[in-house]
């Protein structure tokens, strides 16, 4: 990946959701909701907008849960990623 997020931003590769319901109905991608889980693939330096250094609480490889409407979607190397501020991450799965 050739992108380094700035400040307290995080780049997440969302998990793909199941495309088939339990009853076997195939869902088109337009009817699926945005996932709320994913893997952290890049983190910023942990600097707030005032220039103060702060420790990032997530790291590359963490599986995180985040707010459904947080961040923006961005295509990187053909895959959809989500770029968001660390504060929009709800938690890290252990």
PDB file of N, CA and C in Angstrom:
ATOM      1  N   UNK A   1       0.855  -1.165   0.000  1.00  0.00           N
ATOM      2  CA  UNK A   1       0.000   0.000   0.000  1.00  0.00           C
ATOM      3  C   UNK A   1       0.907   1.235   0.000  1.00  0.00           C
ATOM      4  N   UNK A   2       0.566   2.185  -0.837  1.00  0.00           N
ATOM      5  CA  UNK A   2       1.383   3.379  -0.992  1.00  0.00           C
ATOM      6  C   UNK A   2       0.774   4.608  -0.331  1.00  0.00           C
ATOM      7  N   UNK A   3      -0.036   4.415   0.691  1.00  0.00           N
ATOM      8  CA  UNK A   3      -0.679   5.542   1.364  1.00  0.00           C
ATOM      9  C   UNK A   3      -0.364   5.481   2.853  1.00  0.00           C
ATOM     10  N   UNK A   4       0.055   6.615   3.407  1.00  0.00           N
ATOM     11  CA  UNK A   4       0.284   6.751   4.841  1.00  0.00           C
ATOM     12  C   UNK A   4      -0.743   7.751   5.362  1.00  0.00           C
ATOM     13  N   UNK A   5      -1.652   7.337   6.251  1.00  0.00           N
ATOM     14  CA  UNK A   5      -2.636   8.282   6.777  1.00  0.00           C
ATOM     15  C   UNK A   5      -1.967   9.341   7.652  1.00  0.00           C
ATOM     16  N   UNK A   6      -2.553  10.512   7.679  1.00  0.00           N
ATOM     17  CA  UNK A   6      -2.022  11.616   8.471  1.00  0.00           C
ATOM     18  C   UNK A   6      -2.753  11.730   9.804  1.00  0.00           C
ATOM     19  N   UNK A   7      -2.096  12.413  10.731  1.00  0.00           N
ATOM     20  CA  UNK A   7      -2.638  12.712  12.052  1.00  0.00           C
ATOM     21  C   UNK A   7      -3.115  11.448  12.766  1.00  0.00           C
ATOM     22  N   UNK A   8      -4.400  11.408  13.153  1.00  0.00           N
ATOM     23  CA  UNK A   8      -4.934  10.267  13.913  1.00  0.00           C
ATOM     24  C   UNK A   8      -5.833   9.403  13.035  1.00  0.00           C
ATOM     25  N   UNK A   9      -5.584   9.424  11.743  1.00  0.00           N
ATOM     26  CA  UNK A   9      -6.427   8.647  10.821  1.00  0.00           C
ATOM     27  C   UNK A   9      -5.923   7.213  10.699  1.00  0.00           C
ATOM     28  N   UNK A  10      -6.880   6.333  10.358  1.00  0.00           N
ATOM     29  CA  UNK A  10      -6.621   4.897  10.244  1.00  0.00           C
ATOM     30  C   UNK A  10      -7.228   4.425   8.932  1.00  0.00           C
ATOM     31  N   UNK A  11      -6.547   3.515   8.241  1.00  0.00           N
ATOM     32  CA  UNK A  11      -7.109   2.905   7.036  1.00  0.00           C
ATOM     33  C   UNK A  11      -7.494   1.477   7.388  1.00  0.00           C
ATOM     34  N   UNK A  12      -8.748   1.135   7.082  1.00  0.00           N
ATOM     35  CA  UNK A  12      -9.307  -0.176   7.436  1.00  0.00           C
ATOM     36  C   UNK A  12      -9.774  -0.894   6.180  1.00  0.00           C
ATOM     37  N   UNK A  13      -9.458  -2.162   6.086  1.00  0.00           N
ATOM     38  CA  UNK A  13      -9.993  -3.022   5.035  1.00  0.00           C
ATOM     39  C   UNK A  13     -11.203  -3.724   5.639  1.00  0.00           C
ATOM     40  N   UNK A  14     -12.426  -3.324   5.232  1.00  0.00           N
ATOM     41  CA  UNK A  14     -13.624  -3.918   5.831  1.00  0.00           C
ATOM     42  C   UNK A  14     -13.775  -5.384   5.454  1.00  0.00           C
ATOM     43  N   UNK A  15     -14.370  -6.128   6.372  1.00  0.00           N
ATOM     44  CA  UNK A  15     -14.669  -7.534   6.092  1.00  0.00           C
ATOM     45  C   UNK A  15     -15.807  -7.600   5.092  1.00  0.00           C
ATOM     46  N   UNK A  16     -15.740  -8.543   4.195  1.00  0.00           N
ATOM     47  CA  UNK A  16     -16.841  -8.692   3.239  1.00  0.00           C
ATOM     48  C   UNK A  16     -17.991  -9.407   3.931  1.00  0.00           C
ATOM     49  N   UNK A  17     -19.165  -8.956   3.643  1.00  0.00           N
ATOM     50  CA  UNK A  17     -20.368  -9.544   4.230  1.00  0.00           C
ATOM     51  C   UNK A  17     -20.826 -10.728   3.390  1.00  0.00           C
ATOM     52  N   UNK A  18     -21.586 -11.606   3.991  1.00  0.00           N
ATOM     53  CA  UNK A  18     -22.144 -12.763   3.285  1.00  0.00           C
ATOM     54  C   UNK A  18     -23.114 -12.285   2.214  1.00  0.00           C
ATOM     55  N   UNK A  19     -22.998 -12.794   0.996  1.00  0.00           N
ATOM     56  CA  UNK A  19     -23.837 -12.370  -0.124  1.00  0.00           C
ATOM     57  C   UNK A  19     -25.093 -13.222  -0.293  1.00  0.00           C
ATOM     58  N   UNK A  20     -25.260 -14.263   0.529  1.00  0.00           N
ATOM     59  CA  UNK A  20     -26.399 -15.161   0.403  1.00  0.00           C
ATOM     60  C   UNK A  20     -27.095 -15.246   1.759  1.00  0.00           C
ATOM     61  N   UNK A  21     -28.417 -15.112   1.765  1.00  0.00           N
ATOM     62  CA  UNK A  21     -29.163 -15.230   3.016  1.00  0.00           C
ATOM     63  C   UNK A  21     -29.213 -16.694   3.451  1.00  0.00           C
ATOM     64  N   UNK A  22     -29.686 -16.923   4.672  1.00  0.00           N
ATOM     65  CA  UNK A  22     -29.791 -18.290   5.180  1.00  0.00           C
ATOM     66  C   UNK A  22     -30.726 -19.148   4.336  1.00  0.00           C
ATOM     67  N   UNK A  23     -31.713 -18.509   3.708  1.00  0.00           N
ATOM     68  CA  UNK A  23     -32.659 -19.258   2.883  1.00  0.00           C
ATOM     69  C   UNK A  23     -32.160 -19.447   1.448  1.00  0.00           C
ATOM     70  N   UNK A  24     -30.945 -18.932   1.140  1.00  0.00           N
ATOM     71  CA  UNK A  24     -30.365 -19.161  -0.175  1.00  0.00           C
ATOM     72  C   UNK A  24     -30.577 -18.049  -1.188  1.00  0.00           C
ATOM     73  N   UNK A  25     -31.135 -16.924  -0.763  1.00  0.00           N
ATOM     74  CA  UNK A  25     -31.362 -15.809  -1.681  1.00  0.00           C
ATOM     75  C   UNK A  25     -30.056 -15.015  -1.830  1.00  0.00           C
ATOM     76  N   UNK A  26     -29.641 -14.798  -3.068  1.00  0.00           N
ATOM     77  CA  UNK A  26     -28.425 -14.039  -3.339  1.00  0.00           C
ATOM     78  C   UNK A  26     -28.755 -12.550  -3.312  1.00  0.00           C
ATOM     79  N   UNK A  27     -28.003 -11.791  -2.499  1.00  0.00           N
ATOM     80  CA  UNK A  27     -28.232 -10.360  -2.374  1.00  0.00           C
ATOM     81  C   UNK A  27     -27.320  -9.590  -3.321  1.00  0.00           C
ATOM     82  N   UNK A  28     -27.879  -8.652  -4.094  1.00  0.00           N
ATOM     83  CA  UNK A  28     -27.017  -7.813  -4.922  1.00  0.00           C
ATOM     84  C   UNK A  28     -26.226  -6.858  -4.034  1.00  0.00           C
ATOM     85  N   UNK A  29     -25.073  -6.422  -4.496  1.00  0.00           N
ATOM     86  CA  UNK A  29     -24.216  -5.572  -3.672  1.00  0.00           C
ATOM     87  C   UNK A  29     -24.887  -4.255  -3.312  1.00  0.00           C
ATOM     88  N   UNK A  30     -25.830  -3.778  -4.104  1.00  0.00           N
ATOM     89  CA  UNK A  30     -26.503  -2.515  -3.809  1.00  0.00           C
ATOM     90  C   UNK A  30     -27.442  -2.615  -2.615  1.00  0.00           C
ATOM     91  N   UNK A  31     -27.877  -3.810  -2.258  1.00  0.00           N
ATOM     92  CA  UNK A  31     -28.801  -3.959  -1.133  1.00  0.00           C
ATOM     93  C   UNK A  31     -28.092  -4.280   0.176  1.00  0.00           C
ATOM     94  N   UNK A  32     -26.792  -4.469   0.127  1.00  0.00           N
ATOM     95  CA  UNK A  32     -26.057  -4.836   1.322  1.00  0.00           C
ATOM     96  C   UNK A  32     -25.646  -3.597   2.105  1.00  0.00           C
ATOM     97  N   UNK A  33     -25.651  -3.730   3.427  1.00  0.00           N
ATOM     98  CA  UNK A  33     -25.220  -2.636   4.277  1.00  0.00           C
ATOM     99  C   UNK A  33     -23.702  -2.658   4.394  1.00  0.00           C
ATOM    100  N   UNK A  34     -23.156  -1.517   4.706  1.00  0.00           N
ATOM    101  CA  UNK A  34     -21.717  -1.389   4.883  1.00  0.00           C
ATOM    102  C   UNK A  34     -21.291  -2.162   6.127  1.00  0.00           C
ATOM    103  N   UNK A  35     -20.203  -2.916   6.051  1.00  0.00           N
ATOM    104  CA  UNK A  35     -19.766  -3.697   7.215  1.00  0.00           C
ATOM    105  C   UNK A  35     -19.296  -2.798   8.355  1.00  0.00           C
ATOM    106  N   UNK A  36     -19.316  -3.335   9.556  1.00  0.00           N
ATOM    107  CA  UNK A  36     -18.912  -2.583  10.740  1.00  0.00           C
ATOM    108  C   UNK A  36     -17.672  -3.175  11.387  1.00  0.00           C
ATOM    109  N   UNK A  37     -17.023  -4.101  10.703  1.00  0.00           N
ATOM    110  CA  UNK A  37     -15.804  -4.727  11.211  1.00  0.00           C
ATOM    111  C   UNK A  37     -14.765  -4.717  10.098  1.00  0.00           C
ATOM    112  N   UNK A  38     -13.512  -4.717  10.500  1.00  0.00           N
ATOM    113  CA  UNK A  38     -12.462  -4.761   9.500  1.00  0.00           C
ATOM    114  C   UNK A  38     -11.092  -4.853  10.142  1.00  0.00           C
ATOM    115  N   UNK A  39     -10.078  -4.918   9.297  1.00  0.00           N
ATOM    116  CA  UNK A  39      -8.696  -5.027   9.753  1.00  0.00           C
ATOM    117  C   UNK A  39      -7.945  -3.740   9.442  1.00  0.00           C
ATOM    118  N   UNK A  40      -7.198  -3.271  10.424  1.00  0.00           N
ATOM    119  CA  UNK A  40      -6.399  -2.058  10.265  1.00  0.00           C
ATOM    120  C   UNK A  40      -5.206  -2.388   9.370  1.00  0.00           C
ATOM    121  N   UNK A  41      -5.043  -1.603   8.292  1.00  0.00           N
ATOM    122  CA  UNK A  41      -3.921  -1.836   7.374  1.00  0.00           C
ATOM    123  C   UNK A  41      -2.893  -0.714   7.421  1.00  0.00           C
ATOM    124  N   UNK A  42      -3.239   0.449   7.990  1.00  0.00           N
ATOM    125  CA  UNK A  42      -2.288   1.552   8.136  1.00  0.00           C
ATOM    126  C   UNK A  42      -2.794   2.514   9.199  1.00  0.00           C
ATOM    127  N   UNK A  43      -1.856   3.121   9.938  1.00  0.00           N
ATOM    128  CA  UNK A  43      -2.220   4.106  10.958  1.00  0.00           C
ATOM    129  C   UNK A  43      -1.343   5.345  10.801  1.00  0.00           C
ATOM    130  N   UNK A  44      -1.902   6.481  11.207  1.00  0.00           N
ATOM    131  CA  UNK A  44      -1.150   7.730  11.183  1.00  0.00           C
ATOM    132  C   UNK A  44      -0.155   7.792  12.325  1.00  0.00           C
ATOM    133  N   UNK A  45       0.511   8.932  12.440  1.00  0.00           N
ATOM    134  CA  UNK A  45       1.547   9.112  13.462  1.00  0.00           C
ATOM    135  C   UNK A  45       1.001   9.431  14.839  1.00  0.00           C
ATOM    136  N   UNK A  46      -0.304   9.657  14.953  1.00  0.00           N
ATOM    137  CA  UNK A  46      -0.891   9.934  16.255  1.00  0.00           C
ATOM    138  C   UNK A  46      -0.712  11.376  16.681  1.00  0.00           C
ATOM    139  N   UNK A  47      -0.785  12.279  15.741  1.00  0.00           N
ATOM    140  CA  UNK A  47      -0.657  13.699  16.053  1.00  0.00           C
ATOM    141  C   UNK A  47      -2.041  14.332  15.909  1.00  0.00           C
ATOM    142  N   UNK A  48      -2.457  15.100  16.934  1.00  0.00           N
ATOM    143  CA  UNK A  48      -3.751  15.769  16.816  1.00  0.00           C
ATOM    144  C   UNK A  48      -3.594  17.046  15.983  1.00  0.00           C
ATOM    145  N   UNK A  49      -4.690  17.724  15.734  1.00  0.00           N
ATOM    146  CA  UNK A  49      -4.664  18.888  14.845  1.00  0.00           C
ATOM    147  C   UNK A  49      -3.926  20.083  15.443  1.00  0.00           C
ATOM    148  N   UNK A  50      -3.625  20.056  16.738  1.00  0.00           N
ATOM    149  CA  UNK A  50      -2.837  21.115  17.371  1.00  0.00           C
ATOM    150  C   UNK A  50      -1.345  20.803  17.333  1.00  0.00           C
ATOM    151  N   UNK A  51      -0.980  19.654  16.779  1.00  0.00           N
ATOM    152  CA  UNK A  51       0.424  19.266  16.674  1.00  0.00           C
ATOM    153  C   UNK A  51       0.949  18.493  17.862  1.00  0.00           C
ATOM    154  N   UNK A  52       0.079  18.146  18.797  1.00  0.00           N
ATOM    155  CA  UNK A  52       0.499  17.380  19.974  1.00  0.00           C
ATOM    156  C   UNK A  52       0.555  15.906  19.646  1.00  0.00           C
ATOM    157  N   UNK A  53       1.633  15.244  20.063  1.00  0.00           N
ATOM    158  CA  UNK A  53       1.794  13.809  19.827  1.00  0.00           C
ATOM    159  C   UNK A  53       0.923  13.044  20.813  1.00  0.00           C
ATOM    160  N   UNK A  54       0.200  12.040  20.309  1.00  0.00           N
ATOM    161  CA  UNK A  54      -0.581  11.166  21.181  1.00  0.00           C
ATOM    162  C   UNK A  54      -0.389   9.738  20.700  1.00  0.00           C
ATOM    163  N   UNK A  55      -0.434   8.824  21.616  1.00  0.00           N
ATOM    164  CA  UNK A  55      -0.230   7.422  21.273  1.00  0.00           C
ATOM    165  C   UNK A  55      -1.481   6.861  20.600  1.00  0.00           C
ATOM    166  N   UNK A  56      -1.296   6.216  19.457  1.00  0.00           N
ATOM    167  CA  UNK A  56      -2.413   5.564  18.780  1.00  0.00           C
ATOM    168  C   UNK A  56      -2.755   4.293  19.554  1.00  0.00           C
ATOM    169  N   UNK A  57      -4.044   4.034  19.720  1.00  0.00           N
ATOM    170  CA  UNK A  57      -4.468   2.861  20.470  1.00  0.00           C
ATOM    171  C   UNK A  57      -4.667   1.641  19.593  1.00  0.00           C
ATOM    172  N   UNK A  58      -4.710   1.825  18.276  1.00  0.00           N
ATOM    173  CA  UNK A  58      -4.814   0.693  17.366  1.00  0.00           C
ATOM    174  C   UNK A  58      -3.525   0.579  16.582  1.00  0.00           C
ATOM    175  N   UNK A  59      -3.251  -0.622  16.090  1.00  0.00           N
ATOM    176  CA  UNK A  59      -2.051  -0.850  15.299  1.00  0.00           C
ATOM    177  C   UNK A  59      -2.405  -1.696  14.086  1.00  0.00           C
ATOM    178  N   UNK A  60      -1.508  -1.739  13.137  1.00  0.00           N
ATOM    179  CA  UNK A  60      -1.716  -2.541  11.932  1.00  0.00           C
ATOM    180  C   UNK A  60      -1.942  -3.991  12.338  1.00  0.00           C
ATOM    181  N   UNK A  61      -2.972  -4.601  11.757  1.00  0.00           N
ATOM    182  CA  UNK A  61      -3.300  -5.990  12.055  1.00  0.00           C
ATOM    183  C   UNK A  61      -4.447  -6.158  13.031  1.00  0.00           C
ATOM    184  N   UNK A  62      -4.802  -5.101  13.769  1.00  0.00           N
ATOM    185  CA  UNK A  62      -5.927  -5.184  14.711  1.00  0.00           C
ATOM    186  C   UNK A  62      -7.238  -5.375  13.951  1.00  0.00           C
ATOM    187  N   UNK A  63      -8.114  -6.214  14.502  1.00  0.00           N
ATOM    188  CA  UNK A  63      -9.474  -6.379  13.972  1.00  0.00           C
ATOM    189  C   UNK A  63     -10.369  -5.480  14.806  1.00  0.00           C
ATOM    190  N   UNK A  64     -11.012  -4.515  14.155  1.00  0.00           N
ATOM    191  CA  UNK A  64     -11.735  -3.484  14.882  1.00  0.00           C
ATOM    192  C   UNK A  64     -13.215  -3.453  14.526  1.00  0.00           C
ATOM    193  N   UNK A  65     -13.990  -2.872  15.423  1.00  0.00           N
ATOM    194  CA  UNK A  65     -15.414  -2.611  15.222  1.00  0.00           C
ATOM    195  C   UNK A  65     -15.549  -1.097  15.164  1.00  0.00           C
ATOM    196  N   UNK A  66     -16.305  -0.603  14.187  1.00  0.00           N
ATOM    197  CA  UNK A  66     -16.392   0.842  14.024  1.00  0.00           C
ATOM    198  C   UNK A  66     -17.815   1.273  13.716  1.00  0.00           C
ATOM    199  N   UNK A  67     -18.049   2.555  13.825  1.00  0.00           N
ATOM    200  CA  UNK A  67     -19.333   3.164  13.529  1.00  0.00           C
ATOM    201  C   UNK A  67     -19.653   2.968  12.049  1.00  0.00           C
ATOM    202  N   UNK A  68     -20.847   2.504  11.753  1.00  0.00           N
ATOM    203  CA  UNK A  68     -21.256   2.184  10.380  1.00  0.00           C
ATOM    204  C   UNK A  68     -21.088   3.357   9.422  1.00  0.00           C
ATOM    205  N   UNK A  69     -21.298   4.570   9.878  1.00  0.00           N
ATOM    206  CA  UNK A  69     -21.269   5.736   8.991  1.00  0.00           C
ATOM    207  C   UNK A  69     -19.982   6.545   9.111  1.00  0.00           C
ATOM    208  N   UNK A  70     -18.985   6.008   9.782  1.00  0.00           N
ATOM    209  CA  UNK A  70     -17.733   6.737   9.987  1.00  0.00           C
ATOM    210  C   UNK A  70     -16.851   6.683   8.743  1.00  0.00           C
ATOM    211  N   UNK A  71     -16.075   7.717   8.563  1.00  0.00           N
ATOM    212  CA  UNK A  71     -15.044   7.736   7.537  1.00  0.00           C
ATOM    213  C   UNK A  71     -15.549   7.844   6.112  1.00  0.00           C
ATOM    214  N   UNK A  72     -14.615   7.692   5.196  1.00  0.00           N
ATOM    215  CA  UNK A  72     -14.933   7.736   3.774  1.00  0.00           C
ATOM    216  C   UNK A  72     -14.379   6.486   3.106  1.00  0.00           C
ATOM    217  N   UNK A  73     -15.054   6.051   2.061  1.00  0.00           N
ATOM    218  CA  UNK A  73     -14.574   4.895   1.308  1.00  0.00           C
ATOM    219  C   UNK A  73     -13.569   5.365   0.271  1.00  0.00           C
ATOM    220  N   UNK A  74     -12.543   4.533   0.064  1.00  0.00           N
ATOM    221  CA  UNK A  74     -11.479   4.865  -0.867  1.00  0.00           C
ATOM    222  C   UNK A  74     -11.009   3.580  -1.530  1.00  0.00           C
ATOM    223  N   UNK A  75     -10.900   3.580  -2.854  1.00  0.00           N
ATOM    224  CA  UNK A  75     -10.387   2.408  -3.572  1.00  0.00           C
ATOM    225  C   UNK A  75      -8.874   2.459  -3.563  1.00  0.00           C
ATOM    226  N   UNK A  76      -8.258   1.411  -3.045  1.00  0.00           N
ATOM    227  CA  UNK A  76      -6.804   1.285  -3.029  1.00  0.00           C
ATOM    228  C   UNK A  76      -6.462  -0.080  -3.597  1.00  0.00           C
ATOM    229  N   UNK A  77      -5.691  -0.091  -4.674  1.00  0.00           N
ATOM    230  CA  UNK A  77      -5.275  -1.333  -5.325  1.00  0.00           C
ATOM    231  C   UNK A  77      -6.470  -2.229  -5.637  1.00  0.00           C
ATOM    232  N   UNK A  78      -7.582  -1.618  -6.082  1.00  0.00           N
ATOM    233  CA  UNK A  78      -8.754  -2.363  -6.505  1.00  0.00           C
ATOM    234  C   UNK A  78      -9.683  -2.817  -5.393  1.00  0.00           C
ATOM    235  N   UNK A  79      -9.358  -2.517  -4.135  1.00  0.00           N
ATOM    236  CA  UNK A  79     -10.198  -2.920  -3.013  1.00  0.00           C
ATOM    237  C   UNK A  79     -10.726  -1.674  -2.309  1.00  0.00           C
ATOM    238  N   UNK A  80     -11.951  -1.764  -1.801  1.00  0.00           N
ATOM    239  CA  UNK A  80     -12.535  -0.645  -1.066  1.00  0.00           C
ATOM    240  C   UNK A  80     -12.033  -0.656   0.369  1.00  0.00           C
ATOM    241  N   UNK A  81     -11.447   0.445   0.782  1.00  0.00           N
ATOM    242  CA  UNK A  81     -10.976   0.653   2.147  1.00  0.00           C
ATOM    243  C   UNK A  81     -11.777   1.787   2.759  1.00  0.00           C
ATOM    244  N   UNK A  82     -11.707   1.907   4.072  1.00  0.00           N
ATOM    245  CA  UNK A  82     -12.357   3.012   4.775  1.00  0.00           C
ATOM    246  C   UNK A  82     -11.282   3.777   5.526  1.00  0.00           C
ATOM    247  N   UNK A  83     -11.255   5.092   5.334  1.00  0.00           N
ATOM    248  CA  UNK A  83     -10.332   5.970   6.046  1.00  0.00           C
ATOM    249  C   UNK A  83     -11.153   6.718   7.089  1.00  0.00           C
ATOM    250  N   UNK A  84     -10.749   6.605   8.359  1.00  0.00           N
ATOM    251  CA  UNK A  84     -11.497   7.254   9.436  1.00  0.00           C
ATOM    252  C   UNK A  84     -10.555   7.717  10.524  1.00  0.00           C
ATOM    253  N   UNK A  85     -11.071   8.574  11.385  1.00  0.00           N
ATOM    254  CA  UNK A  85     -10.308   8.994  12.552  1.00  0.00           C
ATOM    255  C   UNK A  85     -10.362   7.888  13.599  1.00  0.00           C
ATOM    256  N   UNK A  86      -9.317   7.779  14.381  1.00  0.00           N
ATOM    257  CA  UNK A  86      -9.247   6.726  15.389  1.00  0.00           C
ATOM    258  C   UNK A  86     -10.417   6.806  16.371  1.00  0.00           C
ATOM    259  N   UNK A  87     -10.903   7.983  16.647  1.00  0.00           N
ATOM    260  CA  UNK A  87     -12.001   8.157  17.611  1.00  0.00           C
ATOM    261  C   UNK A  87     -13.288   7.488  17.139  1.00  0.00           C
ATOM    262  N   UNK A  88     -13.433   7.232  15.828  1.00  0.00           N
ATOM    263  CA  UNK A  88     -14.625   6.576  15.289  1.00  0.00           C
ATOM    264  C   UNK A  88     -14.586   5.059  15.448  1.00  0.00           C
ATOM    265  N   UNK A  89     -13.465   4.517  15.914  1.00  0.00           N
ATOM    266  CA  UNK A  89     -13.361   3.082  16.174  1.00  0.00           C
ATOM    267  C   UNK A  89     -13.931   2.813  17.563  1.00  0.00           C
ATOM    268  N   UNK A  90     -14.867   1.862  17.623  1.00  0.00           N
ATOM    269  CA  UNK A  90     -15.558   1.552  18.872  1.00  0.00           C
ATOM    270  C   UNK A  90     -14.704   0.645  19.761  1.00  0.00           C
ATOM    271  N   UNK A  91     -14.030  -0.320  19.152  1.00  0.00           N
ATOM    272  CA  UNK A  91     -13.228  -1.236  19.955  1.00  0.00           C
ATOM    273  C   UNK A  91     -12.374  -2.147  19.104  1.00  0.00           C
ATOM    274  N   UNK A  92     -11.478  -2.859  19.773  1.00  0.00           N
ATOM    275  CA  UNK A  92     -10.581  -3.822  19.143  1.00  0.00           C
ATOM    276  C   UNK A  92     -10.979  -5.205  19.639  1.00  0.00           C
ATOM    277  N   UNK A  93     -11.153  -6.151  18.714  1.00  0.00           N
ATOM    278  CA  UNK A  93     -11.511  -7.515  19.109  1.00  0.00           C
ATOM    279  C   UNK A  93     -10.260  -8.212  19.633  1.00  0.00           C
ATOM    280  N   UNK A  94     -10.425  -8.928  20.727  1.00  0.00           N
ATOM    281  CA  UNK A  94      -9.300  -9.636  21.356  1.00  0.00           C
ATOM    282  C   UNK A  94      -9.225 -11.068  20.909  1.00  0.00           C
TER     283      UNK A  94
END
